[in-house]
Protein backbone atom coordinates (compact mmCIF):
# COMPACT_ATOMS: atom_id res chain seq x y z
CA MET A 1 -8.21 -9.08 -16.09
CA GLY A 2 -10.10 -11.93 -14.87
CA ASP A 3 -7.26 -14.88 -15.63
CA LYS A 4 -4.90 -12.64 -13.72
CA ARG A 5 -6.62 -11.93 -10.13
CA GLU A 6 -5.17 -14.97 -8.68
CA SER A 7 -1.84 -12.52 -8.52
CA LEU A 8 -4.32 -10.16 -6.04
CA PHE A 9 -3.94 -12.61 -3.57
CA SER A 10 -0.19 -14.10 -4.36
CA CYS A 11 1.67 -12.07 -1.14
CA PHE A 12 -0.92 -13.47 1.40
CA ARG A 13 1.46 -16.29 2.50
CA PHE A 14 2.94 -14.21 5.02
CA LEU A 15 -0.46 -13.87 6.97
CA PRO A 16 -0.59 -17.72 7.92
CA ILE A 17 3.10 -17.76 8.97
CA LEU A 18 2.05 -14.31 11.45
CA LEU A 19 -1.03 -16.26 12.75
CA LEU A 20 0.46 -19.43 13.48
CA LEU A 21 2.72 -17.72 15.26
CA ALA A 22 0.35 -16.25 17.59
CA LEU A 23 -1.82 -19.02 17.88
CA LEU A 24 1.69 -20.96 18.88
CA LEU A 25 2.08 -18.84 22.02
CA PRO A 26 1.56 -20.05 25.34
CA GLU A 27 -1.76 -19.11 26.63
CA GLY A 28 -0.81 -16.80 29.46
CA LEU A 29 1.38 -14.55 27.32
CA ARG A 30 -2.00 -14.14 24.89
CA ALA A 31 -3.65 -12.65 27.86
CA GLN A 32 -4.27 -8.86 26.90
CA ARG A 33 -2.16 -6.31 28.66
CA GLN A 34 -2.74 -3.07 29.91
CA LEU A 35 -0.46 -0.49 28.43
CA PRO A 36 1.87 0.99 30.90
CA ASP A 37 1.52 4.68 32.53
CA SER A 38 4.08 5.92 30.77
CA ALA A 39 2.16 5.24 27.50
CA ARG A 40 -0.52 7.74 28.69
CA GLN A 41 2.15 10.58 29.44
CA THR A 42 3.97 10.04 26.28
CA ARG A 43 3.58 9.30 22.39
CA PHE A 44 5.67 6.84 20.69
CA VAL A 45 6.52 7.90 17.52
CA THR A 46 8.22 5.78 14.47
CA ARG A 47 9.53 7.60 11.38
CA ALA A 48 11.04 6.03 8.11
CA VAL A 49 11.92 6.70 4.77
CA THR A 50 12.93 4.16 2.65
CA TYR A 51 13.90 3.58 -1.33
CA GLY A 52 13.49 0.84 -3.62
CA VAL A 53 13.52 -0.64 -6.98
CA GLY A 54 11.32 -3.30 -8.45
CA TYR A 55 9.18 -5.13 -11.05
CA SER A 56 6.17 -3.41 -12.81
CA ASN A 57 3.42 -4.84 -15.06
CA ILE A 58 0.86 -2.09 -16.54
CA PHE A 59 -2.07 -2.59 -18.35
CA ASP A 60 -4.99 -0.27 -20.03
CA THR A 61 -7.51 -0.96 -22.38
CA TYR A 62 -7.75 2.76 -22.96
CA LEU A 63 -4.26 2.99 -24.37
CA SER A 64 -3.27 -0.61 -25.48
CA PRO A 65 -4.55 -3.91 -25.62
CA GLN A 66 -1.26 -5.21 -24.42
CA GLU A 67 0.55 -5.76 -21.20
CA TYR A 68 3.77 -3.61 -20.11
CA ARG A 69 6.79 -4.75 -17.98
CA GLY A 70 9.49 -3.16 -16.69
CA ILE A 71 11.45 -1.65 -13.94
CA GLU A 72 9.75 0.87 -11.08
CA VAL A 73 11.42 2.88 -8.48
CA ARG A 74 9.65 3.72 -5.48
CA VAL A 75 9.90 6.02 -2.48
CA ALA A 76 8.13 5.44 0.47
CA ARG A 77 7.81 8.01 3.40
CA GLU A 78 5.77 6.71 6.72
CA THR A 79 5.18 8.21 10.26
CA MET A 80 3.28 5.98 12.92
CA ARG A 81 2.68 7.60 16.13
CA MET A 82 0.29 6.48 19.36
CA THR A 83 -2.71 9.24 20.51
CA ARG A 84 -4.27 9.52 23.43
CA TRP A 85 -7.53 7.94 22.41
CA ALA A 86 -9.30 4.62 23.38
CA ASP A 87 -7.00 5.05 26.51
CA GLY A 88 -3.58 5.03 24.35
CA ARG A 89 -4.68 2.31 22.17
CA LEU A 90 -5.35 4.04 19.39
CA SER A 91 -2.23 4.47 16.66
CA LEU A 92 -1.82 6.99 13.67
CA GLN A 93 -0.42 5.84 10.34
CA ASN A 94 0.72 8.53 8.02
CA PHE A 95 2.02 6.93 4.65
CA LEU A 96 3.03 8.91 1.44
CA GLN A 97 4.55 6.83 -1.45
CA THR A 98 5.36 7.77 -5.20
CA ASN A 99 6.26 5.17 -7.62
CA ALA A 100 7.44 5.49 -11.35
CA SER A 101 8.26 2.82 -13.84
CA TYR A 102 8.94 2.34 -17.53
CA THR A 103 7.75 -1.02 -19.00
CA HIS A 104 8.22 -2.34 -22.65
CA ASN A 105 5.50 -4.65 -24.17
CA HIS A 106 6.01 -8.02 -25.25
CA VAL A 107 7.48 -7.57 -28.71
CA ASP A 108 10.01 -4.89 -27.55
CA ASN A 109 8.25 -2.29 -30.10
CA ASN A 110 6.67 0.20 -27.69
CA ASN A 111 7.11 1.60 -24.00
CA THR A 112 4.86 3.19 -21.50
CA PHE A 113 5.97 5.62 -18.85
CA TYR A 114 3.77 4.89 -15.20
CA GLY A 115 3.79 7.15 -12.44
CA LEU A 116 1.67 7.31 -9.38
CA VAL A 117 1.38 8.93 -5.76
CA ASN A 118 -0.26 7.39 -2.99
CA TRP A 119 -1.14 8.85 0.76
CA ASN A 120 -2.74 6.77 3.05
CA ILE A 121 -4.03 8.03 6.88
CA GLY A 122 -5.84 6.95 9.13
CA LEU A 123 -6.17 4.68 12.66
CA HIS A 124 -5.16 1.11 14.17
CA TYR A 125 -6.29 -0.09 17.35
CA HIS A 126 -3.67 -2.15 19.30
CA ILE A 127 -4.36 -5.22 20.84
CA PRO A 128 -1.51 -6.97 22.31
CA LEU A 129 -1.38 -10.56 22.50
CA ALA A 130 1.90 -11.37 24.43
CA PRO A 131 4.73 -9.09 25.35
CA ASN A 132 6.43 -8.89 22.20
CA PHE A 133 3.17 -9.62 19.50
CA ARG A 134 0.23 -7.48 18.65
CA LEU A 135 -2.16 -7.26 16.08
CA LEU A 136 -3.62 -4.07 15.04
CA ALA A 137 -6.65 -3.43 13.27
CA GLY A 138 -8.28 -0.20 11.50
CA GLY A 139 -9.38 2.05 8.84
CA LEU A 140 -7.61 4.58 5.89
CA ALA A 141 -8.21 7.01 3.95
CA ASP A 142 -6.55 6.01 0.85
CA LEU A 143 -5.71 8.93 -2.33
CA ASN A 144 -4.55 8.17 -5.60
CA GLY A 145 -3.04 10.09 -8.34
CA GLY A 146 -0.93 9.58 -11.30
CA PHE A 147 -0.54 8.91 -15.13
CA VAL A 148 0.02 6.23 -17.84
CA TYR A 149 2.03 7.73 -21.06
CA ASN A 150 1.87 5.38 -24.36
CA LEU A 151 4.96 6.93 -26.28
CA ARG A 152 3.21 5.53 -29.76
CA ASN A 153 0.08 6.54 -29.39
CA GLY A 154 -1.47 9.74 -30.99
CA ASN A 155 -5.29 10.91 -30.64
CA ASN A 156 -4.70 9.06 -26.86
CA PRO A 157 -1.67 9.19 -25.60
CA ALA A 158 -2.03 9.34 -21.78
CA SER A 159 -4.65 8.02 -19.34
CA ALA A 160 -5.28 9.50 -15.95
CA ARG A 161 -5.27 7.64 -12.89
CA ALA A 162 -7.40 9.42 -10.18
CA TYR A 163 -9.27 7.40 -7.37
CA ILE A 164 -10.13 7.84 -3.43
CA ASN A 165 -11.02 4.73 -1.13
CA VAL A 166 -11.98 3.73 2.09
CA ASP A 167 -9.25 0.74 3.45
CA ALA A 168 -9.97 -2.05 5.66
CA SER A 169 -6.15 -2.23 7.21
CA VAL A 170 -4.43 -5.19 9.33
CA MET A 171 -1.07 -5.19 10.93
CA ALA A 172 0.98 -8.01 12.89
CA VAL A 173 3.79 -6.58 14.67
CA TRP A 174 6.43 -9.25 16.22
CA ASP A 175 9.68 -7.82 18.30
CA VAL A 176 12.02 -11.12 18.18
CA ARG A 177 15.70 -11.20 19.47
CA ILE A 178 18.33 -13.35 17.57
CA ARG A 179 21.39 -13.75 19.87
CA ASN A 180 20.35 -11.12 21.68
CA TYR A 181 20.04 -9.16 18.82
CA PRO A 182 16.51 -7.05 18.51
CA LEU A 183 14.40 -7.41 15.27
CA THR A 184 10.64 -5.85 14.62
CA LEU A 185 8.87 -7.77 11.93
CA ARG A 186 5.48 -6.16 10.56
CA TYR A 187 3.24 -7.35 8.20
CA GLN A 188 0.28 -5.22 6.99
CA ALA A 189 -2.49 -5.56 4.10
CA ASN A 190 -4.68 -2.65 2.83
CA LEU A 191 -7.92 -3.83 1.03
CA PRO A 192 -10.18 -0.94 -0.68
CA LEU A 193 -13.81 -1.24 0.71
CA ALA A 194 -15.13 1.67 -1.08
CA GLY A 195 -14.85 4.65 -2.89
CA VAL A 196 -14.71 6.88 -6.07
CA MET A 197 -12.66 6.64 -9.42
CA PHE A 198 -12.23 8.85 -12.36
CA SER A 199 -12.65 6.72 -15.58
CA PRO A 200 -13.06 7.83 -19.41
CA HIS A 201 -15.64 5.87 -21.46
CA TYR A 202 -13.94 3.29 -23.72
CA GLY A 203 -12.92 5.23 -26.81
CA GLN A 204 -13.73 8.56 -25.12
CA SER A 205 -11.05 11.41 -25.72
CA TYR A 206 -10.04 13.57 -22.87
CA TYR A 207 -11.08 16.59 -24.99
CA GLU A 208 -14.89 15.62 -25.44
CA ILE A 209 -14.64 15.55 -21.27
CA PHE A 210 -12.70 18.92 -20.22
CA SER A 211 -13.52 21.33 -23.62
CA LEU A 212 -16.76 19.82 -24.86
CA GLY A 213 -18.04 18.98 -21.34
CA ASN A 214 -19.29 15.53 -22.30
CA GLY A 215 -18.26 13.83 -18.80
CA GLY A 216 -21.53 12.24 -17.57
CA GLY A 217 -20.50 9.01 -15.94
CA VAL A 218 -16.74 9.55 -15.98
CA VAL A 219 -16.43 9.40 -11.61
CA LYS A 220 -18.06 5.61 -11.04
CA PHE A 221 -18.45 4.16 -7.23
CA THR A 222 -16.05 1.80 -6.85
CA SER A 223 -16.19 -1.43 -4.20
CA LEU A 224 -14.68 -5.13 -4.41
CA HIS A 225 -16.70 -5.89 -7.83
CA ASN A 226 -15.21 -3.45 -9.89
CA GLN A 227 -12.01 -2.64 -7.95
CA PRO A 228 -10.49 -5.51 -6.21
CA SER A 229 -7.40 -4.17 -5.14
CA LEU A 230 -4.49 -5.17 -2.36
CA ARG A 231 -1.67 -3.16 -0.89
CA GLN A 232 0.96 -5.42 1.49
CA MET A 233 3.90 -4.85 2.86
CA LEU A 234 6.26 -6.66 5.03
CA THR A 235 9.01 -4.90 6.90
CA VAL A 236 11.79 -5.85 8.90
CA ASP A 237 13.98 -2.91 11.45
CA PHE A 238 17.17 -3.73 12.90
CA PRO A 239 19.71 -1.97 14.47
CA VAL A 240 23.14 -1.04 12.95
CA ARG A 241 25.48 0.58 15.78
CA ARG A 242 23.65 3.74 16.61
CA THR A 243 21.26 3.77 13.73
CA LYS A 244 17.94 1.54 12.86
CA MET A 245 17.35 0.31 9.43
CA ARG A 246 14.60 -0.74 7.59
CA VAL A 247 14.22 -3.84 4.79
CA SER A 248 10.95 -3.79 3.41
CA TYR A 249 9.48 -6.13 0.36
CA LEU A 250 6.01 -3.91 -0.94
CA CYS A 251 3.31 -5.89 -3.09
CA ASP A 252 1.06 -3.32 -4.74
CA LEU A 253 -1.74 -4.58 -6.82
CA GLN A 254 -4.17 -2.35 -8.02
CA GLN A 255 -6.91 -3.16 -10.74
CA ALA A 256 -10.40 -1.88 -12.19
CA LYS A 257 -12.76 -2.43 -14.78
CA LEU A 258 -14.73 0.71 -15.76
CA ASN A 259 -16.85 2.07 -18.48
CA GLY A 260 -15.46 -0.90 -20.68
CA ILE A 261 -12.09 -0.01 -19.67
CA ARG A 262 -9.94 -2.92 -17.86
CA SER A 263 -6.50 -1.77 -16.27
CA HIS A 264 -4.13 -3.07 -13.96
CA ALA A 265 -0.72 -1.62 -12.28
CA TYR A 266 1.06 -4.38 -10.21
CA GLY A 267 4.01 -3.60 -8.08
CA HIS A 268 6.50 -5.59 -6.48
CA ALA A 269 8.94 -3.33 -4.77
CA PHE A 270 11.97 -4.67 -2.33
CA MET A 271 13.29 -1.19 -0.28
CA VAL A 272 15.40 -0.24 2.06
CA GLY A 273 15.76 2.73 4.25
CA PHE A 274 16.15 4.67 7.41
CA VAL A 275 13.92 4.46 10.95
CA LYS A 276 13.92 7.18 13.38
CA GLU A 277 12.17 5.97 16.97
CA PHE A 278 11.23 8.82 19.67
CA TYR A 279 8.74 10.01 22.26
CA VAL A 280 7.04 13.22 22.13
CA LEU A 281 5.58 14.87 25.42
CA LYS A 282 1.85 15.53 25.57
C-alpha cells in the first residue's frame, strides 16, 4: 500500500486552481460581507440526488494478496441548509451515498463484490471572500459500513467494513456566469482525523470472533498514521429551463493498515442528477 499512497492526493489538483482564483480577486471584493437580513429570516436549502458510474480498485490482504479492478455504480443524496447559529453563517450538510462494484484480478480468474454505505453529517462556517466566492470550513461525523466478498475463497470468503471517523472538511464555492448563463462550481475535501475501525487479525476467522468470543483487539483507534484516507468532490450546478442539474466527479480514496491487514478501496465516479433549491421559514 505504501507505493500507492501518492494516489491519495491525486485529486488535489483542483485546490490550487480555486485558491489562485481567490487570490486574483480584487482586494475590495475579498473583504468579508455581512450576511443580509433576509438570511436571518429564512434558511436556504439545497437538495441534490445524483447517480453515477466509475472505476473501482479493491485490495484486502485478509482475502487475497491481489488487487481487483472493475466498474462501480454510485448513488448520492445531499442536503445543505443554512442554520441560525453563528449569526447565520453556519450550514448543515447531510450527505448519504452508497456504492457497489464488481471487480476482477489481473489474470481475470477471480472476482470480488464490494459495497459500502457512507453517511456524513456536520457543520461548515461560511467565509465570504467576494460576492460570488466563499470558503467553508468545518467538521463532519463520518460513518461507514460495507463488505468485500471474494467468489473463490472457502474459509474466509468475506471481509467486513465498519468504521467511524471525525473529518476535517473544507469547501470552495464559486458562482460564475458565462455569457449570462449561471454556473455554481464547488470543490470539497474531507480528511479523516480520528476514529475507530473494526478489523480482524490476519488469519483470524469471523467464527473465532463472534462464536468463540476471541474478539480482543478487533476494534482499533485510527488516524492519519494507519488510515490515510480522503474524499473529494467537484460539482457543477446549472439550470436547464426550469430544472437545475448537477454534474460531479467524486474521488473516494479509503485505505488502512490494521492488525497485519492492508486494505484499500479507491473509487472514481462521474455523476449526474438534479438539484432543488428552496427557503424554509423559521
